[in-house]
Amino acid sequence: MNTYKYRIYYEWQGRTKSDPFAIEKSPEEIANALTRAPFEFSVRLSDRDATVRSEPSANLNEIILVVTTIESEDGVDLALVATLKDWRLFGDRL
């Protein structure tokens, strides 16, 4: 089993060419995204026995995501990138 740890966070970066109608998330929307994204991520993994848990951070705009799985690093990254994109979140591997 492999364990991966990420800092998942929200950061407003303004409108982009690919998303010209983007608006900044409210505190409630940020909390919702950080609460729901880990579940969506777990569904995207092909390893149905993977464990995904989130831990609060001192910063309200971020969580720590811990994944234990037999999934390859590339598989985890693919699922994570797709999920973060859907929720307009960002992530850094710890």
Protein backbone atom coordinates (compact mmCIF):
# COMPACT_ATOMS: atom_id res chain seq x y z
CA MET A 1 0.00 0.00 0.00
CA ASN A 2 1.12 3.51 -0.81
CA THR A 3 0.25 6.60 1.18
CA TYR A 4 0.05 10.01 -0.44
CA LYS A 5 -0.51 13.28 1.35
CA TYR A 6 -1.65 16.57 -0.21
CA ARG A 7 -2.45 20.09 0.84
CA ILE A 8 -5.73 20.96 -0.91
CA TYR A 9 -6.62 24.63 -0.95
CA TYR A 10 -8.69 27.36 -2.54
CA GLU A 11 -7.03 30.42 -4.00
CA TRP A 12 -8.79 33.05 -6.07
CA GLN A 13 -6.71 33.72 -9.16
CA GLY A 14 -9.21 35.79 -11.10
CA ARG A 15 -10.89 35.14 -14.41
CA THR A 16 -9.02 33.31 -17.15
CA LYS A 17 -9.44 32.84 -20.89
CA SER A 18 -10.69 29.32 -20.22
CA ASP A 19 -13.12 30.54 -17.53
CA PRO A 20 -14.02 34.16 -18.29
CA PHE A 21 -17.15 34.10 -16.11
CA ALA A 22 -15.47 32.80 -12.94
CA ILE A 23 -16.38 34.49 -9.69
CA GLU A 24 -14.65 34.30 -6.34
CA LYS A 25 -16.06 31.64 -3.99
CA SER A 26 -17.76 32.73 -0.79
CA PRO A 27 -16.55 31.25 2.52
CA GLU A 28 -19.53 28.86 2.43
CA GLU A 29 -18.68 27.73 -1.10
CA ILE A 30 -15.06 27.16 -0.12
CA ALA A 31 -16.11 25.06 2.88
CA ASN A 32 -18.50 23.05 0.69
CA ALA A 33 -15.82 22.39 -1.94
CA LEU A 34 -13.27 21.30 0.68
CA THR A 35 -15.84 19.01 2.31
CA ARG A 36 -17.17 17.37 -0.86
CA ALA A 37 -14.05 17.10 -3.03
CA PRO A 38 -12.43 14.25 -1.03
CA PHE A 39 -15.47 12.02 -1.61
CA GLU A 40 -15.56 12.79 -5.33
CA PHE A 41 -11.82 12.06 -5.49
CA SER A 42 -12.31 8.68 -3.78
CA VAL A 43 -14.96 7.72 -6.35
CA ARG A 44 -12.57 8.51 -9.19
CA LEU A 45 -9.91 6.11 -7.91
CA SER A 46 -9.95 2.66 -9.50
CA ASP A 47 -8.88 1.10 -6.16
CA ARG A 48 -12.23 0.58 -4.40
CA ASP A 49 -10.41 -0.39 -1.18
CA ALA A 50 -8.49 2.88 -0.97
CA THR A 51 -8.92 4.98 2.14
CA VAL A 52 -9.25 8.72 1.72
CA ARG A 53 -9.46 11.02 4.68
CA SER A 54 -9.21 14.74 5.14
CA GLU A 55 -7.77 16.61 8.08
CA PRO A 56 -8.51 20.22 8.96
CA SER A 57 -5.81 22.83 8.65
CA ALA A 58 -5.19 26.02 10.60
CA ASN A 59 -6.15 27.86 7.42
CA LEU A 60 -9.90 27.67 6.73
CA ASN A 61 -9.23 27.67 2.97
CA GLU A 62 -7.33 24.37 3.01
CA ILE A 63 -7.36 20.75 4.16
CA ILE A 64 -4.84 17.94 4.27
CA LEU A 65 -5.85 14.94 2.15
CA VAL A 66 -4.37 11.54 3.02
CA VAL A 67 -4.78 8.64 0.58
CA THR A 68 -3.78 5.03 1.23
CA THR A 69 -4.10 2.86 -1.86
CA ILE A 70 -2.56 0.28 -4.16
CA GLU A 71 -3.21 2.74 -7.00
CA SER A 72 -0.15 4.01 -8.84
CA GLU A 73 1.07 7.54 -8.26
CA ASP A 74 -0.04 8.45 -11.79
CA GLY A 75 -3.52 7.05 -11.15
CA VAL A 76 -3.86 9.05 -7.94
CA ASP A 77 -2.63 12.20 -9.69
CA LEU A 78 -5.11 11.79 -12.56
CA ALA A 79 -8.05 11.40 -10.17
CA LEU A 80 -6.89 14.30 -8.02
CA VAL A 81 -6.29 16.74 -10.89
CA ALA A 82 -9.73 16.06 -12.36
CA THR A 83 -11.39 16.55 -8.97
CA LEU A 84 -9.52 19.74 -8.14
CA LYS A 85 -10.36 21.18 -11.54
CA ASP A 86 -14.09 20.46 -11.02
CA TRP A 87 -14.09 22.28 -7.67
CA ARG A 88 -11.65 25.06 -8.69
CA LEU A 89 -9.22 23.95 -6.01
CA PHE A 90 -5.44 23.50 -6.01
CA GLY A 91 -3.18 20.90 -4.44
CA ASP A 92 0.44 20.40 -3.42
CA ARG A 93 2.00 17.06 -2.56
CA LEU A 94 3.41 16.99 0.94
